[in-house]
Amino acid sequence: ATSAAGETISVLARKAVIFATGGFTHDAELRRN
């Protein structure tokens, strides 16, 4: 992951990563296509 200031971090998961980041409402390319 990166911050707006440009910092990059690596975060490990011993068991799993669960994404819950919402849809693509505000991406014009994905929405259009």
PDB file of all heavy atoms in Angstrom:
ATOM      1  N   ALA A   1       0.841  -1.191   0.000  1.00  0.00           N
ATOM      2  CA  ALA A   1       0.000   0.000   0.000  1.00  0.00           C
ATOM      3  C   ALA A   1       0.872   1.235   0.000  1.00  0.00           C
ATOM      4  O   ALA A   1       2.022   1.206   0.462  1.00  0.00           O
ATOM      5  CB  ALA A   1      -0.910   0.010   1.229  1.00  0.00           C
ATOM      6  N   THR A   2       0.313   2.322  -0.529  1.00  0.00           N
ATOM      7  CA  THR A   2       1.041   3.590  -0.550  1.00  0.00           C
ATOM      8  C   THR A   2       0.193   4.687   0.068  1.00  0.00           C
ATOM      9  O   THR A   2      -1.034   4.669   0.000  1.00  0.00           O
ATOM     10  CB  THR A   2       1.416   3.993  -1.985  1.00  0.00           C
ATOM     11  OG1 THR A   2       0.226   4.092  -2.771  1.00  0.00           O
ATOM     12  CG2 THR A   2       2.352   2.978  -2.611  1.00  0.00           C
ATOM     13  N   SER A   3       0.878   5.652   0.642  1.00  0.00           N
ATOM     14  CA  SER A   3       0.203   6.835   1.170  1.00  0.00           C
ATOM     15  C   SER A   3       0.265   7.944   0.136  1.00  0.00           C
ATOM     16  O   SER A   3       1.035   7.880  -0.833  1.00  0.00           O
ATOM     17  CB  SER A   3       0.871   7.300   2.457  1.00  0.00           C
ATOM     18  OG  SER A   3       2.151   7.844   2.170  1.00  0.00           O
ATOM     19  N   ALA A   4      -0.530   8.990   0.333  1.00  0.00           N
ATOM     20  CA  ALA A   4      -0.501  10.126  -0.588  1.00  0.00           C
ATOM     21  C   ALA A   4       0.865  10.801  -0.581  1.00  0.00           C
ATOM     22  O   ALA A   4       1.259  11.427  -1.562  1.00  0.00           O
ATOM     23  CB  ALA A   4      -1.593  11.122  -0.214  1.00  0.00           C
ATOM     24  N   ALA A   5       1.581  10.673   0.525  1.00  0.00           N
ATOM     25  CA  ALA A   5       2.910  11.279   0.626  1.00  0.00           C
ATOM     26  C   ALA A   5       3.988  10.453  -0.073  1.00  0.00           C
ATOM     27  O   ALA A   5       5.148  10.861  -0.135  1.00  0.00           O
ATOM     28  CB  ALA A   5       3.284  11.468   2.096  1.00  0.00           C
ATOM     29  N   GLY A   6       3.606   9.259  -0.568  1.00  0.00           N
ATOM     30  CA  GLY A   6       4.557   8.451  -1.311  1.00  0.00           C
ATOM     31  C   GLY A   6       5.174   7.316  -0.540  1.00  0.00           C
ATOM     32  O   GLY A   6       5.996   6.570  -1.090  1.00  0.00           O
ATOM     33  N   GLU A   7       4.811   7.124   0.706  1.00  0.00           N
ATOM     34  CA  GLU A   7       5.350   6.026   1.499  1.00  0.00           C
ATOM     35  C   GLU A   7       4.728   4.714   1.047  1.00  0.00           C
ATOM     36  O   GLU A   7       3.524   4.620   0.823  1.00  0.00           O
ATOM     37  CB  GLU A   7       5.043   6.261   2.982  1.00  0.00           C
ATOM     38  CG  GLU A   7       5.538   5.149   3.892  1.00  0.00           C
ATOM     39  CD  GLU A   7       5.131   5.347   5.340  1.00  0.00           C
ATOM     40  OE1 GLU A   7       4.331   6.265   5.610  1.00  0.00           O
ATOM     41  OE2 GLU A   7       5.593   4.585   6.198  1.00  0.00           O
ATOM     42  N   THR A   8       5.554   3.686   0.895  1.00  0.00           N
ATOM     43  CA  THR A   8       5.078   2.354   0.532  1.00  0.00           C
ATOM     44  C   THR A   8       5.321   1.405   1.697  1.00  0.00           C
ATOM     45  O   THR A   8       6.415   1.386   2.271  1.00  0.00           O
ATOM     46  CB  THR A   8       5.804   1.823  -0.719  1.00  0.00           C
ATOM     47  OG1 THR A   8       5.525   2.681  -1.826  1.00  0.00           O
ATOM     48  CG2 THR A   8       5.330   0.414  -1.060  1.00  0.00           C
ATOM     49  N   ILE A   9       4.298   0.644   2.041  1.00  0.00           N
ATOM     50  CA  ILE A   9       4.441  -0.345   3.106  1.00  0.00           C
ATOM     51  C   ILE A   9       4.008  -1.709   2.597  1.00  0.00           C
ATOM     52  O   ILE A   9       3.169  -1.817   1.704  1.00  0.00           O
ATOM     53  CB  ILE A   9       3.622   0.027   4.366  1.00  0.00           C
ATOM     54  CG1 ILE A   9       2.126   0.089   4.062  1.00  0.00           C
ATOM     55  CG2 ILE A   9       4.111   1.342   4.959  1.00  0.00           C
ATOM     56  CD1 ILE A   9       1.255   0.197   5.311  1.00  0.00           C
ATOM     57  N   SER A  10       4.615  -2.744   3.165  1.00  0.00           N
ATOM     58  CA  SER A  10       4.242  -4.129   2.882  1.00  0.00           C
ATOM     59  C   SER A  10       3.657  -4.727   4.148  1.00  0.00           C
ATOM     60  O   SER A  10       4.288  -4.673   5.217  1.00  0.00           O
ATOM     61  CB  SER A  10       5.476  -4.936   2.439  1.00  0.00           C
ATOM     62  OG  SER A  10       5.991  -4.432   1.222  1.00  0.00           O
ATOM     63  N   VAL A  11       2.442  -5.266   4.016  1.00  0.00           N
ATOM     64  CA  VAL A  11       1.744  -5.843   5.166  1.00  0.00           C
ATOM     65  C   VAL A  11       1.421  -7.288   4.842  1.00  0.00           C
ATOM     66  O   VAL A  11       0.738  -7.578   3.854  1.00  0.00           O
ATOM     67  CB  VAL A  11       0.450  -5.062   5.481  1.00  0.00           C
ATOM     68  CG1 VAL A  11      -0.233  -5.645   6.712  1.00  0.00           C
ATOM     69  CG2 VAL A  11       0.752  -3.583   5.693  1.00  0.00           C
ATOM     70  N   LEU A  12       1.918  -8.211   5.665  1.00  0.00           N
ATOM     71  CA  LEU A  12       1.691  -9.631   5.433  1.00  0.00           C
ATOM     72  C   LEU A  12       0.532 -10.149   6.266  1.00  0.00           C
ATOM     73  O   LEU A  12       0.257  -9.658   7.370  1.00  0.00           O
ATOM     74  CB  LEU A  12       2.953 -10.430   5.756  1.00  0.00           C
ATOM     75  CG  LEU A  12       4.180 -10.205   4.868  1.00  0.00           C
ATOM     76  CD1 LEU A  12       5.256 -11.238   5.196  1.00  0.00           C
ATOM     77  CD2 LEU A  12       3.807 -10.252   3.398  1.00  0.00           C
ATOM     78  N   ALA A  13      -0.137 -11.160   5.716  1.00  0.00           N
ATOM     79  CA  ALA A  13      -1.248 -11.827   6.394  1.00  0.00           C
ATOM     80  C   ALA A  13      -0.885 -13.291   6.610  1.00  0.00           C
ATOM     81  O   ALA A  13      -0.611 -14.004   5.646  1.00  0.00           O
ATOM     82  CB  ALA A  13      -2.516 -11.718   5.557  1.00  0.00           C
ATOM     83  N   ARG A  14      -0.857 -13.717   7.863  1.00  0.00           N
ATOM     84  CA  ARG A  14      -0.532 -15.112   8.134  1.00  0.00           C
ATOM     85  C   ARG A  14      -1.602 -16.049   7.584  1.00  0.00           C
ATOM     86  O   ARG A  14      -1.323 -17.172   7.186  1.00  0.00           O
ATOM     87  CB  ARG A  14      -0.390 -15.336   9.637  1.00  0.00           C
ATOM     88  CG  ARG A  14       0.696 -14.521  10.303  1.00  0.00           C
ATOM     89  CD  ARG A  14       0.870 -14.903  11.761  1.00  0.00           C
ATOM     90  NE  ARG A  14       1.800 -14.004  12.437  1.00  0.00           N
ATOM     91  CZ  ARG A  14       1.426 -12.935  13.146  1.00  0.00           C
ATOM     92  NH1 ARG A  14       0.131 -12.648  13.269  1.00  0.00           N
ATOM     93  NH2 ARG A  14       2.320 -12.175  13.727  1.00  0.00           N
ATOM     94  N   LYS A  15      -2.879 -15.554   7.569  1.00  0.00           N
ATOM     95  CA  LYS A  15      -3.986 -16.422   7.140  1.00  0.00           C
ATOM     96  C   LYS A  15      -4.623 -15.957   5.829  1.00  0.00           C
ATOM     97  O   LYS A  15      -4.765 -16.743   4.896  1.00  0.00           O
ATOM     98  CB  LYS A  15      -5.049 -16.497   8.237  1.00  0.00           C
ATOM     99  CG  LYS A  15      -4.568 -17.181   9.507  1.00  0.00           C
ATOM    100  CD  LYS A  15      -5.687 -17.294  10.532  1.00  0.00           C
ATOM    101  CE  LYS A  15      -5.222 -18.047  11.775  1.00  0.00           C
ATOM    102  NZ  LYS A  15      -6.319 -18.188  12.781  1.00  0.00           N
ATOM    103  N   ALA A  16      -5.051 -14.685   5.763  1.00  0.00           N
ATOM    104  CA  ALA A  16      -5.800 -14.256   4.573  1.00  0.00           C
ATOM    105  C   ALA A  16      -5.865 -12.745   4.490  1.00  0.00           C
ATOM    106  O   ALA A  16      -5.695 -12.031   5.486  1.00  0.00           O
ATOM    107  CB  ALA A  16      -7.209 -14.836   4.597  1.00  0.00           C
ATOM    108  N   VAL A  17      -6.138 -12.272   3.273  1.00  0.00           N
ATOM    109  CA  VAL A  17      -6.449 -10.872   3.007  1.00  0.00           C
ATOM    110  C   VAL A  17      -7.915 -10.799   2.567  1.00  0.00           C
ATOM    111  O   VAL A  17      -8.325 -11.532   1.658  1.00  0.00           O
ATOM    112  CB  VAL A  17      -5.549 -10.281   1.905  1.00  0.00           C
ATOM    113  CG1 VAL A  17      -5.950  -8.841   1.606  1.00  0.00           C
ATOM    114  CG2 VAL A  17      -4.079 -10.362   2.303  1.00  0.00           C
ATOM    115  N   ILE A  18      -8.684  -9.936   3.219  1.00  0.00           N
ATOM    116  CA  ILE A  18     -10.094  -9.749   2.872  1.00  0.00           C
ATOM    117  C   ILE A  18     -10.262  -8.345   2.300  1.00  0.00           C
ATOM    118  O   ILE A  18     -10.060  -7.348   3.002  1.00  0.00           O
ATOM    119  CB  ILE A  18     -11.010  -9.920   4.098  1.00  0.00           C
ATOM    120  CG1 ILE A  18     -10.823 -11.295   4.734  1.00  0.00           C
ATOM    121  CG2 ILE A  18     -12.475  -9.710   3.697  1.00  0.00           C
ATOM    122  CD1 ILE A  18     -11.622 -11.486   6.033  1.00  0.00           C
ATOM    123  N   PHE A  19     -10.637  -8.256   1.028  1.00  0.00           N
ATOM    124  CA  PHE A  19     -10.888  -6.961   0.391  1.00  0.00           C
ATOM    125  C   PHE A  19     -12.352  -6.574   0.567  1.00  0.00           C
ATOM    126  O   PHE A  19     -13.255  -7.397   0.373  1.00  0.00           O
ATOM    127  CB  PHE A  19     -10.546  -7.010  -1.096  1.00  0.00           C
ATOM    128  CG  PHE A  19      -9.093  -6.804  -1.396  1.00  0.00           C
ATOM    129  CD1 PHE A  19      -8.195  -7.859  -1.281  1.00  0.00           C
ATOM    130  CD2 PHE A  19      -8.617  -5.558  -1.788  1.00  0.00           C
ATOM    131  CE1 PHE A  19      -6.848  -7.678  -1.560  1.00  0.00           C
ATOM    132  CE2 PHE A  19      -7.270  -5.365  -2.065  1.00  0.00           C
ATOM    133  CZ  PHE A  19      -6.383  -6.428  -1.947  1.00  0.00           C
ATOM    134  N   ALA A  20     -12.566  -5.304   0.918  1.00  0.00           N
ATOM    135  CA  ALA A  20     -13.920  -4.755   1.036  1.00  0.00           C
ATOM    136  C   ALA A  20     -13.853  -3.285   0.622  1.00  0.00           C
ATOM    137  O   ALA A  20     -14.199  -2.386   1.389  1.00  0.00           O
ATOM    138  CB  ALA A  20     -14.437  -4.907   2.463  1.00  0.00           C
ATOM    139  N   THR A  21     -13.404  -3.060  -0.604  1.00  0.00           N
ATOM    140  CA  THR A  21     -13.018  -1.717  -1.046  1.00  0.00           C
ATOM    141  C   THR A  21     -14.072  -1.007  -1.890  1.00  0.00           C
ATOM    142  O   THR A  21     -13.804   0.060  -2.438  1.00  0.00           O
ATOM    143  CB  THR A  21     -11.708  -1.799  -1.852  1.00  0.00           C
ATOM    144  OG1 THR A  21     -11.830  -2.826  -2.855  1.00  0.00           O
ATOM    145  CG2 THR A  21     -10.544  -2.141  -0.941  1.00  0.00           C
ATOM    146  N   GLY A  22     -15.272  -1.562  -1.997  1.00  0.00           N
ATOM    147  CA  GLY A  22     -16.311  -0.889  -2.760  1.00  0.00           C
ATOM    148  C   GLY A  22     -16.179  -1.097  -4.251  1.00  0.00           C
ATOM    149  O   GLY A  22     -15.234  -1.730  -4.742  1.00  0.00           O
ATOM    150  N   GLY A  23     -17.145  -0.555  -4.990  1.00  0.00           N
ATOM    151  CA  GLY A  23     -17.213  -0.774  -6.424  1.00  0.00           C
ATOM    152  C   GLY A  23     -16.384   0.200  -7.228  1.00  0.00           C
ATOM    153  O   GLY A  23     -15.451   0.825  -6.720  1.00  0.00           O
ATOM    154  N   PHE A  24     -16.767   0.358  -8.525  1.00  0.00           N
ATOM    155  CA  PHE A  24     -15.985   1.207  -9.426  1.00  0.00           C
ATOM    156  C   PHE A  24     -16.768   2.429  -9.886  1.00  0.00           C
ATOM    157  O   PHE A  24     -16.558   2.957 -10.985  1.00  0.00           O
ATOM    158  CB  PHE A  24     -15.449   0.400 -10.614  1.00  0.00           C
ATOM    159  CG  PHE A  24     -16.467  -0.376 -11.413  1.00  0.00           C
ATOM    160  CD1 PHE A  24     -17.162   0.216 -12.466  1.00  0.00           C
ATOM    161  CD2 PHE A  24     -16.708  -1.716 -11.136  1.00  0.00           C
ATOM    162  CE1 PHE A  24     -18.061  -0.498 -13.228  1.00  0.00           C
ATOM    163  CE2 PHE A  24     -17.618  -2.446 -11.891  1.00  0.00           C
ATOM    164  CZ  PHE A  24     -18.294  -1.834 -12.940  1.00  0.00           C
ATOM    165  N   THR A  25     -17.637   2.935  -9.023  1.00  0.00           N
ATOM    166  CA  THR A  25     -18.455   4.096  -9.349  1.00  0.00           C
ATOM    167  C   THR A  25     -17.634   5.263  -9.894  1.00  0.00           C
ATOM    168  O   THR A  25     -18.048   5.929 -10.843  1.00  0.00           O
ATOM    169  CB  THR A  25     -19.236   4.545  -8.104  1.00  0.00           C
ATOM    170  OG1 THR A  25     -20.363   3.680  -7.937  1.00  0.00           O
ATOM    171  CG2 THR A  25     -19.745   5.967  -8.225  1.00  0.00           C
ATOM    172  N   HIS A  26     -16.493   5.539  -9.304  1.00  0.00           N
ATOM    173  CA  HIS A  26     -15.740   6.741  -9.657  1.00  0.00           C
ATOM    174  C   HIS A  26     -14.537   6.463 -10.558  1.00  0.00           C
ATOM    175  O   HIS A  26     -13.599   7.266 -10.603  1.00  0.00           O
ATOM    176  CB  HIS A  26     -15.323   7.487  -8.388  1.00  0.00           C
ATOM    177  CG  HIS A  26     -16.492   8.047  -7.641  1.00  0.00           C
ATOM    178  ND1 HIS A  26     -17.249   9.095  -8.122  1.00  0.00           N
ATOM    179  CD2 HIS A  26     -17.072   7.671  -6.463  1.00  0.00           C
ATOM    180  CE1 HIS A  26     -18.226   9.354  -7.271  1.00  0.00           C
ATOM    181  NE2 HIS A  26     -18.138   8.504  -6.258  1.00  0.00           N
ATOM    182  N   ASP A  27     -14.585   5.373 -11.296  1.00  0.00           N
ATOM    183  CA  ASP A  27     -13.594   5.133 -12.330  1.00  0.00           C
ATOM    184  C   ASP A  27     -14.321   5.200 -13.676  1.00  0.00           C
ATOM    185  O   ASP A  27     -15.076   4.299 -14.035  1.00  0.00           O
ATOM    186  CB  ASP A  27     -12.922   3.770 -12.154  1.00  0.00           C
ATOM    187  CG  ASP A  27     -11.781   3.556 -13.144  1.00  0.00           C
ATOM    188  OD1 ASP A  27     -12.068   3.375 -14.348  1.00  0.00           O
ATOM    189  OD2 ASP A  27     -10.609   3.566 -12.720  1.00  0.00           O
ATOM    190  N   ALA A  28     -14.075   6.269 -14.414  1.00  0.00           N
ATOM    191  CA  ALA A  28     -14.835   6.511 -15.645  1.00  0.00           C
ATOM    192  C   ALA A  28     -14.614   5.419 -16.683  1.00  0.00           C
ATOM    193  O   ALA A  28     -15.544   5.033 -17.398  1.00  0.00           O
ATOM    194  CB  ALA A  28     -14.449   7.875 -16.228  1.00  0.00           C
ATOM    195  N   GLU A  29     -13.391   4.896 -16.780  1.00  0.00           N
ATOM    196  CA  GLU A  29     -13.101   3.870 -17.778  1.00  0.00           C
ATOM    197  C   GLU A  29     -13.856   2.585 -17.482  1.00  0.00           C
ATOM    198  O   GLU A  29     -14.493   1.998 -18.371  1.00  0.00           O
ATOM    199  CB  GLU A  29     -11.602   3.605 -17.849  1.00  0.00           C
ATOM    200  CG  GLU A  29     -11.240   2.577 -18.907  1.00  0.00           C
ATOM    201  CD  GLU A  29      -9.755   2.273 -18.954  1.00  0.00           C
ATOM    202  OE1 GLU A  29      -9.056   2.557 -17.959  1.00  0.00           O
ATOM    203  OE2 GLU A  29      -9.298   1.744 -19.981  1.00  0.00           O
ATOM    204  N   LEU A  30     -13.808   2.135 -16.248  1.00  0.00           N
ATOM    205  CA  LEU A  30     -14.530   0.911 -15.885  1.00  0.00           C
ATOM    206  C   LEU A  30     -16.032   1.100 -16.041  1.00  0.00           C
ATOM    207  O   LEU A  30     -16.736   0.213 -16.549  1.00  0.00           O
ATOM    208  CB  LEU A  30     -14.190   0.507 -14.448  1.00  0.00           C
ATOM    209  CG  LEU A  30     -12.746   0.074 -14.176  1.00  0.00           C
ATOM    210  CD1 LEU A  30     -12.556  -0.227 -12.696  1.00  0.00           C
ATOM    211  CD2 LEU A  30     -12.369  -1.138 -15.030  1.00  0.00           C
ATOM    212  N   ARG A  31     -16.523   2.232 -15.617  1.00  0.00           N
ATOM    213  CA  ARG A  31     -17.957   2.508 -15.713  1.00  0.00           C
ATOM    214  C   ARG A  31     -18.414   2.511 -17.173  1.00  0.00           C
ATOM    215  O   ARG A  31     -19.417   1.908 -17.531  1.00  0.00           O
ATOM    216  CB  ARG A  31     -18.246   3.861 -15.050  1.00  0.00           C
ATOM    217  CG  ARG A  31     -19.662   4.050 -14.591  1.00  0.00           C
ATOM    218  CD  ARG A  31     -19.816   5.327 -13.794  1.00  0.00           C
ATOM    219  NE  ARG A  31     -19.485   6.513 -14.567  1.00  0.00           N
ATOM    220  CZ  ARG A  31     -18.449   7.302 -14.333  1.00  0.00           C
ATOM    221  NH1 ARG A  31     -17.627   7.053 -13.327  1.00  0.00           N
ATOM    222  NH2 ARG A  31     -18.215   8.366 -15.090  1.00  0.00           N
ATOM    223  N   ARG A  32     -17.640   3.172 -18.008  1.00  0.00           N
ATOM    224  CA  ARG A  32     -17.997   3.307 -19.417  1.00  0.00           C
ATOM    225  C   ARG A  32     -17.949   1.959 -20.136  1.00  0.00           C
ATOM    226  O   ARG A  32     -18.783   1.676 -21.003  1.00  0.00           O
ATOM    227  CB  ARG A  32     -17.029   4.283 -20.086  1.00  0.00           C
ATOM    228  CG  ARG A  32     -17.271   4.520 -21.564  1.00  0.00           C
ATOM    229  CD  ARG A  32     -16.372   5.628 -22.087  1.00  0.00           C
ATOM    230  NE  ARG A  32     -14.950   5.356 -21.928  1.00  0.00           N
ATOM    231  CZ  ARG A  32     -14.141   5.991 -21.079  1.00  0.00           C
ATOM    232  NH1 ARG A  32     -14.603   6.952 -20.294  1.00  0.00           N
ATOM    233  NH2 ARG A  32     -12.861   5.679 -20.995  1.00  0.00           N
ATOM    234  N   ASN A  33     -17.008   1.104 -19.793  1.00  0.00           N
ATOM    235  CA  ASN A  33     -16.792  -0.122 -20.546  1.00  0.00           C
ATOM    236  C   ASN A  33     -17.513  -1.345 -19.994  1.00  0.00           C
ATOM    237  O   ASN A  33     -17.585  -2.368 -20.694  1.00  0.00           O
ATOM    238  CB  ASN A  33     -15.288  -0.412 -20.639  1.00  0.00           C
ATOM    239  CG  ASN A  33     -14.588   0.541 -21.585  1.00  0.00           C
ATOM    240  OD1 ASN A  33     -14.918   0.592 -22.760  1.00  0.00           O
ATOM    241  ND2 ASN A  33     -13.655   1.315 -21.073  1.00  0.00           N
TER     242      ASN A  33
END
